[in-house]
Amino acid sequence: MATHKGRLPALLTIVLLVFSFVPPLKAQQRADDEFGPVVRAYLGYLRNEQEVVDDRVSRREVSPTYYRHNSNRIKALRQMAIRLARETNNDYLPELEAVSAGEFGMLFGPQAPPTARLKVGEVFKNTFRFLGVVRSGEVFYLFARLDPYEQAEQTEKAVSSKAEPARPQQR
């Protein structure tokens, strides 16, 4: 009987810990209900990505620094997705990319734009539209990948602006 008395407080502590995490998950799912199926699916995808990162760190497959960085990236993507969905009141999200200042080369190669000159709405390499900065433990720069039609339009604009020589003004 003495062994059961020692286990009861530990068991109660575990049960309380488990139940303390359940309400936030349900609250988060209820908050996601304000969105359509596409946005909800993307937010679910981000939850799954966080679970994968959590699992990998629990098995010591990744460093704590890697874990924090990727968790912060997932939070930044979530914040931007929710912001876009609420601002547009539309069940559509572009493909989102979140990079820190040191990761610009992954998107832009050696000709990466300087972070200080980024303007919201600006298009880079006819492929990425700058959406803004999100601070989620660290600073992330968020971009929307243009769909093929938008890319073609950007390319056409670039070609037509180069083809039209400047005309002298008539008086």
C-alpha atoms as a PDB file:
ATOM      1  CA  MET A   1       0.000   0.000   0.000  1.00  0.00           C
ATOM      2  CA  ALA A   2       2.900   2.371   0.693  1.00  0.00           C
ATOM      3  CA  THR A   3       4.010   2.240  -2.945  1.00  0.00           C
ATOM      4  CA  HIS A   4       0.605   3.486  -4.166  1.00  0.00           C
ATOM      5  CA  LYS A   5       0.725   6.514  -1.861  1.00  0.00           C
ATOM      6  CA  GLY A   6       4.064   7.559  -3.380  1.00  0.00           C
ATOM      7  CA  ARG A   7       2.752   7.249  -6.933  1.00  0.00           C
ATOM      8  CA  LEU A   8      -0.532   9.087  -6.431  1.00  0.00           C
ATOM      9  CA  PRO A   9       0.934  12.641  -6.251  1.00  0.00           C
ATOM     10  CA  ALA A  10       3.119  11.953  -9.292  1.00  0.00           C
ATOM     11  CA  LEU A  11       0.138  10.582 -11.219  1.00  0.00           C
ATOM     12  CA  LEU A  12      -2.011  13.574 -10.275  1.00  0.00           C
ATOM     13  CA  THR A  13       0.750  15.940 -11.386  1.00  0.00           C
ATOM     14  CA  ILE A  14       0.971  14.235 -14.785  1.00  0.00           C
ATOM     15  CA  VAL A  15      -2.813  14.316 -15.257  1.00  0.00           C
ATOM     16  CA  LEU A  16      -2.938  18.019 -14.371  1.00  0.00           C
ATOM     17  CA  LEU A  17      -0.127  18.786 -16.794  1.00  0.00           C
ATOM     18  CA  VAL A  18      -1.869  16.926 -19.601  1.00  0.00           C
ATOM     19  CA  PHE A  19      -5.178  18.691 -19.002  1.00  0.00           C
ATOM     20  CA  SER A  20      -3.497  22.076 -18.760  1.00  0.00           C
ATOM     21  CA  PHE A  21      -2.398  21.726 -22.399  1.00  0.00           C
ATOM     22  CA  VAL A  22      -5.728  20.514 -23.805  1.00  0.00           C
ATOM     23  CA  PRO A  23      -7.734  23.783 -23.510  1.00  0.00           C
ATOM     24  CA  PRO A  24      -5.202  25.901 -25.452  1.00  0.00           C
ATOM     25  CA  LEU A  25      -5.295  23.404 -28.317  1.00  0.00           C
ATOM     26  CA  LYS A  26      -9.091  23.480 -28.422  1.00  0.00           C
ATOM     27  CA  ALA A  27      -9.087  27.279 -28.164  1.00  0.00           C
ATOM     28  CA  GLN A  28      -6.636  27.469 -31.059  1.00  0.00           C
ATOM     29  CA  GLN A  29      -8.811  25.150 -33.151  1.00  0.00           C
ATOM     30  CA  ARG A  30     -11.905  27.256 -32.346  1.00  0.00           C
ATOM     31  CA  ALA A  31     -10.007  30.397 -33.363  1.00  0.00           C
ATOM     32  CA  ASP A  32      -9.142  28.727 -36.670  1.00  0.00           C
ATOM     33  CA  ASP A  33     -12.873  28.135 -37.293  1.00  0.00           C
ATOM     34  CA  GLU A  34     -13.240  31.761 -38.398  1.00  0.00           C
ATOM     35  CA  PHE A  35     -11.376  30.820 -41.596  1.00  0.00           C
ATOM     36  CA  GLY A  36     -12.320  28.800 -44.645  1.00  0.00           C
ATOM     37  CA  PRO A  37     -11.016  25.312 -45.444  1.00  0.00           C
ATOM     38  CA  VAL A  38      -7.882  26.465 -47.305  1.00  0.00           C
ATOM     39  CA  VAL A  39      -6.631  28.715 -44.508  1.00  0.00           C
ATOM     40  CA  ARG A  40      -7.573  26.120 -41.859  1.00  0.00           C
ATOM     41  CA  ALA A  41      -5.644  23.485 -43.786  1.00  0.00           C
ATOM     42  CA  TYR A  42      -2.571  25.715 -43.921  1.00  0.00           C
ATOM     43  CA  LEU A  43      -2.790  26.434 -40.191  1.00  0.00           C
ATOM     44  CA  GLY A  44      -3.145  22.678 -39.598  1.00  0.00           C
ATOM     45  CA  TYR A  45      -0.065  22.102 -41.745  1.00  0.00           C
ATOM     46  CA  LEU A  46       1.865  24.565 -39.564  1.00  0.00           C
ATOM     47  CA  ARG A  47       0.667  22.774 -36.403  1.00  0.00           C
ATOM     48  CA  ASN A  48       1.922  19.493 -37.883  1.00  0.00           C
ATOM     49  CA  GLU A  49       5.267  21.074 -38.750  1.00  0.00           C
ATOM     50  CA  GLN A  50       5.605  22.261 -35.146  1.00  0.00           C
ATOM     51  CA  GLU A  51       4.845  18.748 -33.912  1.00  0.00           C
ATOM     52  CA  VAL A  52       7.608  17.357 -36.142  1.00  0.00           C
ATOM     53  CA  VAL A  53      10.094  19.918 -34.821  1.00  0.00           C
ATOM     54  CA  ASP A  54       8.969  19.191 -31.232  1.00  0.00           C
ATOM     55  CA  ASP A  55       9.428  15.465 -31.804  1.00  0.00           C
ATOM     56  CA  ARG A  56      12.874  15.890 -33.334  1.00  0.00           C
ATOM     57  CA  VAL A  57      14.129  18.006 -30.449  1.00  0.00           C
ATOM     58  CA  SER A  58      12.665  15.576 -27.897  1.00  0.00           C
ATOM     59  CA  ARG A  59      14.717  12.797 -29.503  1.00  0.00           C
ATOM     60  CA  ARG A  60      17.764  15.088 -29.578  1.00  0.00           C
ATOM     61  CA  GLU A  61      17.983  14.928 -33.372  1.00  0.00           C
ATOM     62  CA  VAL A  62      18.318  18.707 -33.629  1.00  0.00           C
ATOM     63  CA  SER A  63      20.038  21.347 -31.545  1.00  0.00           C
ATOM     64  CA  PRO A  64      18.106  23.708 -29.278  1.00  0.00           C
ATOM     65  CA  THR A  65      19.179  26.601 -31.546  1.00  0.00           C
ATOM     66  CA  TYR A  66      17.750  24.868 -34.635  1.00  0.00           C
ATOM     67  CA  TYR A  67      14.569  24.092 -32.710  1.00  0.00           C
ATOM     68  CA  ARG A  68      14.058  27.697 -31.571  1.00  0.00           C
ATOM     69  CA  HIS A  69      14.762  29.081 -35.043  1.00  0.00           C
ATOM     70  CA  ASN A  70      12.303  26.770 -36.769  1.00  0.00           C
ATOM     71  CA  SER A  71       9.654  27.186 -34.090  1.00  0.00           C
ATOM     72  CA  ASN A  72       9.973  30.959 -34.472  1.00  0.00           C
ATOM     73  CA  ARG A  73       9.696  30.606 -38.270  1.00  0.00           C
ATOM     74  CA  ILE A  74       6.498  28.547 -37.905  1.00  0.00           C
ATOM     75  CA  LYS A  75       5.036  31.182 -35.564  1.00  0.00           C
ATOM     76  CA  ALA A  76       5.924  33.941 -38.036  1.00  0.00           C
ATOM     77  CA  LEU A  77       4.272  32.046 -40.903  1.00  0.00           C
ATOM     78  CA  ARG A  78       1.171  31.499 -38.778  1.00  0.00           C
ATOM     79  CA  GLN A  79       0.965  35.187 -37.842  1.00  0.00           C
ATOM     80  CA  MET A  80       1.264  36.262 -41.481  1.00  0.00           C
ATOM     81  CA  ALA A  81      -1.262  33.681 -42.703  1.00  0.00           C
ATOM     82  CA  ILE A  82      -3.824  34.840 -40.147  1.00  0.00           C
ATOM     83  CA  ARG A  83      -3.130  38.490 -40.948  1.00  0.00           C
ATOM     84  CA  LEU A  84      -3.565  37.923 -44.692  1.00  0.00           C
ATOM     85  CA  ALA A  85      -6.740  35.890 -44.210  1.00  0.00           C
ATOM     86  CA  ARG A  86      -8.275  38.556 -41.970  1.00  0.00           C
ATOM     87  CA  GLU A  87      -7.195  41.506 -44.134  1.00  0.00           C
ATOM     88  CA  THR A  88      -8.462  40.005 -47.389  1.00  0.00           C
ATOM     89  CA  ASN A  89     -11.436  38.182 -45.859  1.00  0.00           C
ATOM     90  CA  ASN A  90     -10.650  35.521 -48.432  1.00  0.00           C
ATOM     91  CA  ASP A  91     -10.003  31.783 -48.148  1.00  0.00           C
ATOM     92  CA  TYR A  92      -6.792  31.968 -50.141  1.00  0.00           C
ATOM     93  CA  LEU A  93      -3.143  32.136 -49.147  1.00  0.00           C
ATOM     94  CA  PRO A  94      -0.153  32.463 -51.444  1.00  0.00           C
ATOM     95  CA  GLU A  95       2.821  30.224 -50.881  1.00  0.00           C
ATOM     96  CA  LEU A  96       4.603  31.907 -47.985  1.00  0.00           C
ATOM     97  CA  GLU A  97       8.324  32.054 -47.303  1.00  0.00           C
ATOM     98  CA  ALA A  98       9.833  33.293 -44.033  1.00  0.00           C
ATOM     99  CA  VAL A  99      13.564  33.958 -43.894  1.00  0.00           C
ATOM    100  CA  SER A 100      15.857  35.597 -41.404  1.00  0.00           C
ATOM    101  CA  ALA A 101      18.384  38.175 -42.604  1.00  0.00           C
ATOM    102  CA  GLY A 102      21.092  35.520 -42.786  1.00  0.00           C
ATOM    103  CA  GLU A 103      18.939  33.289 -44.998  1.00  0.00           C
ATOM    104  CA  PHE A 104      18.267  35.756 -47.830  1.00  0.00           C
ATOM    105  CA  GLY A 105      20.727  33.902 -50.036  1.00  0.00           C
ATOM    106  CA  MET A 106      18.410  30.870 -50.022  1.00  0.00           C
ATOM    107  CA  LEU A 107      15.735  32.892 -51.846  1.00  0.00           C
ATOM    108  CA  PHE A 108      17.765  35.385 -53.832  1.00  0.00           C
ATOM    109  CA  GLY A 109      21.250  33.964 -54.231  1.00  0.00           C
ATOM    110  CA  PRO A 110      24.243  36.278 -53.984  1.00  0.00           C
ATOM    111  CA  GLN A 111      22.240  39.264 -55.302  1.00  0.00           C
ATOM    112  CA  ALA A 112      19.960  39.428 -52.251  1.00  0.00           C
ATOM    113  CA  PRO A 113      18.296  42.801 -51.671  1.00  0.00           C
ATOM    114  CA  PRO A 114      19.407  44.728 -48.589  1.00  0.00           C
ATOM    115  CA  THR A 115      16.900  44.301 -45.773  1.00  0.00           C
ATOM    116  CA  ALA A 116      16.928  48.026 -44.966  1.00  0.00           C
ATOM    117  CA  ARG A 117      15.482  48.889 -48.399  1.00  0.00           C
ATOM    118  CA  LEU A 118      12.607  46.416 -48.484  1.00  0.00           C
ATOM    119  CA  LYS A 119       9.194  47.939 -49.167  1.00  0.00           C
ATOM    120  CA  VAL A 120       5.920  46.114 -48.559  1.00  0.00           C
ATOM    121  CA  GLY A 121       4.433  45.032 -51.889  1.00  0.00           C
ATOM    122  CA  GLU A 122       7.739  45.212 -53.752  1.00  0.00           C
ATOM    123  CA  VAL A 123       8.449  42.293 -56.115  1.00  0.00           C
ATOM    124  CA  PHE A 124      11.884  40.698 -56.358  1.00  0.00           C
ATOM    125  CA  LYS A 125      13.217  38.552 -59.198  1.00  0.00           C
ATOM    126  CA  ASN A 126       9.664  38.451 -60.633  1.00  0.00           C
ATOM    127  CA  THR A 127       9.068  35.682 -58.092  1.00  0.00           C
ATOM    128  CA  PHE A 128       8.608  37.039 -54.556  1.00  0.00           C
ATOM    129  CA  ARG A 129       6.440  39.843 -53.186  1.00  0.00           C
ATOM    130  CA  PHE A 130       7.602  41.275 -49.862  1.00  0.00           C
ATOM    131  CA  LEU A 131       4.766  41.103 -47.312  1.00  0.00           C
ATOM    132  CA  GLY A 132       6.448  42.524 -44.245  1.00  0.00           C
ATOM    133  CA  VAL A 133       8.452  41.757 -41.155  1.00  0.00           C
ATOM    134  CA  VAL A 134       7.288  39.548 -38.303  1.00  0.00           C
ATOM    135  CA  ARG A 135       9.085  39.489 -34.975  1.00  0.00           C
ATOM    136  CA  SER A 136       8.627  36.061 -33.480  1.00  0.00           C
ATOM    137  CA  GLY A 137      11.509  35.530 -31.106  1.00  0.00           C
ATOM    138  CA  GLU A 138      13.671  36.866 -33.931  1.00  0.00           C
ATOM    139  CA  VAL A 139      13.066  38.912 -37.074  1.00  0.00           C
ATOM    140  CA  PHE A 140      11.677  37.152 -40.128  1.00  0.00           C
ATOM    141  CA  TYR A 141      11.080  38.689 -43.542  1.00  0.00           C
ATOM    142  CA  LEU A 142       7.971  37.252 -45.156  1.00  0.00           C
ATOM    143  CA  PHE A 143       7.452  36.862 -48.866  1.00  0.00           C
ATOM    144  CA  ALA A 144       4.664  35.502 -51.036  1.00  0.00           C
ATOM    145  CA  ARG A 145       5.747  33.445 -54.003  1.00  0.00           C
ATOM    146  CA  LEU A 146       3.973  34.778 -57.076  1.00  0.00           C
ATOM    147  CA  ASP A 147       1.837  32.319 -58.984  1.00  0.00           C
ATOM    148  CA  PRO A 148       2.804  31.622 -62.639  1.00  0.00           C
ATOM    149  CA  TYR A 149       0.318  34.214 -63.964  1.00  0.00           C
ATOM    150  CA  GLU A 150       1.694  36.928 -61.708  1.00  0.00           C
ATOM    151  CA  GLN A 151       5.236  35.959 -62.685  1.00  0.00           C
ATOM    152  CA  ALA A 152       4.361  36.195 -66.383  1.00  0.00           C
ATOM    153  CA  GLU A 153       2.775  39.601 -65.791  1.00  0.00           C
ATOM    154  CA  GLN A 154       5.884  40.840 -63.972  1.00  0.00           C
ATOM    155  CA  THR A 155       8.123  39.548 -66.769  1.00  0.00           C
ATOM    156  CA  GLU A 156       5.926  41.220 -69.394  1.00  0.00           C
ATOM    157  CA  LYS A 157       6.068  44.537 -67.518  1.00  0.00           C
ATOM    158  CA  ALA A 158       9.860  44.330 -67.306  1.00  0.00           C
ATOM    159  CA  VAL A 159      10.193  43.561 -71.017  1.00  0.00           C
ATOM    160  CA  SER A 160       7.778  46.297 -72.113  1.00  0.00           C
ATOM    161  CA  SER A 161       9.456  48.925 -69.924  1.00  0.00           C
ATOM    162  CA  LYS A 162      12.825  48.102 -71.499  1.00  0.00           C
ATOM    163  CA  ALA A 163      11.395  48.036 -75.040  1.00  0.00           C
ATOM    164  CA  GLU A 164       9.749  51.461 -74.842  1.00  0.00           C
ATOM    165  CA  PRO A 165      12.371  54.157 -75.310  1.00  0.00           C
ATOM    166  CA  ALA A 166      11.788  57.422 -73.540  1.00  0.00           C
ATOM    167  CA  ARG A 167       9.804  59.760 -75.774  1.00  0.00           C
ATOM    168  CA  PRO A 168      10.625  63.435 -75.908  1.00  0.00           C
ATOM    169  CA  GLN A 169       7.846  65.598 -74.588  1.00  0.00           C
ATOM    170  CA  GLN A 170       5.874  67.538 -77.194  1.00  0.00           C
ATOM    171  CA  ARG A 171       5.125  71.193 -76.652  1.00  0.00           C
END
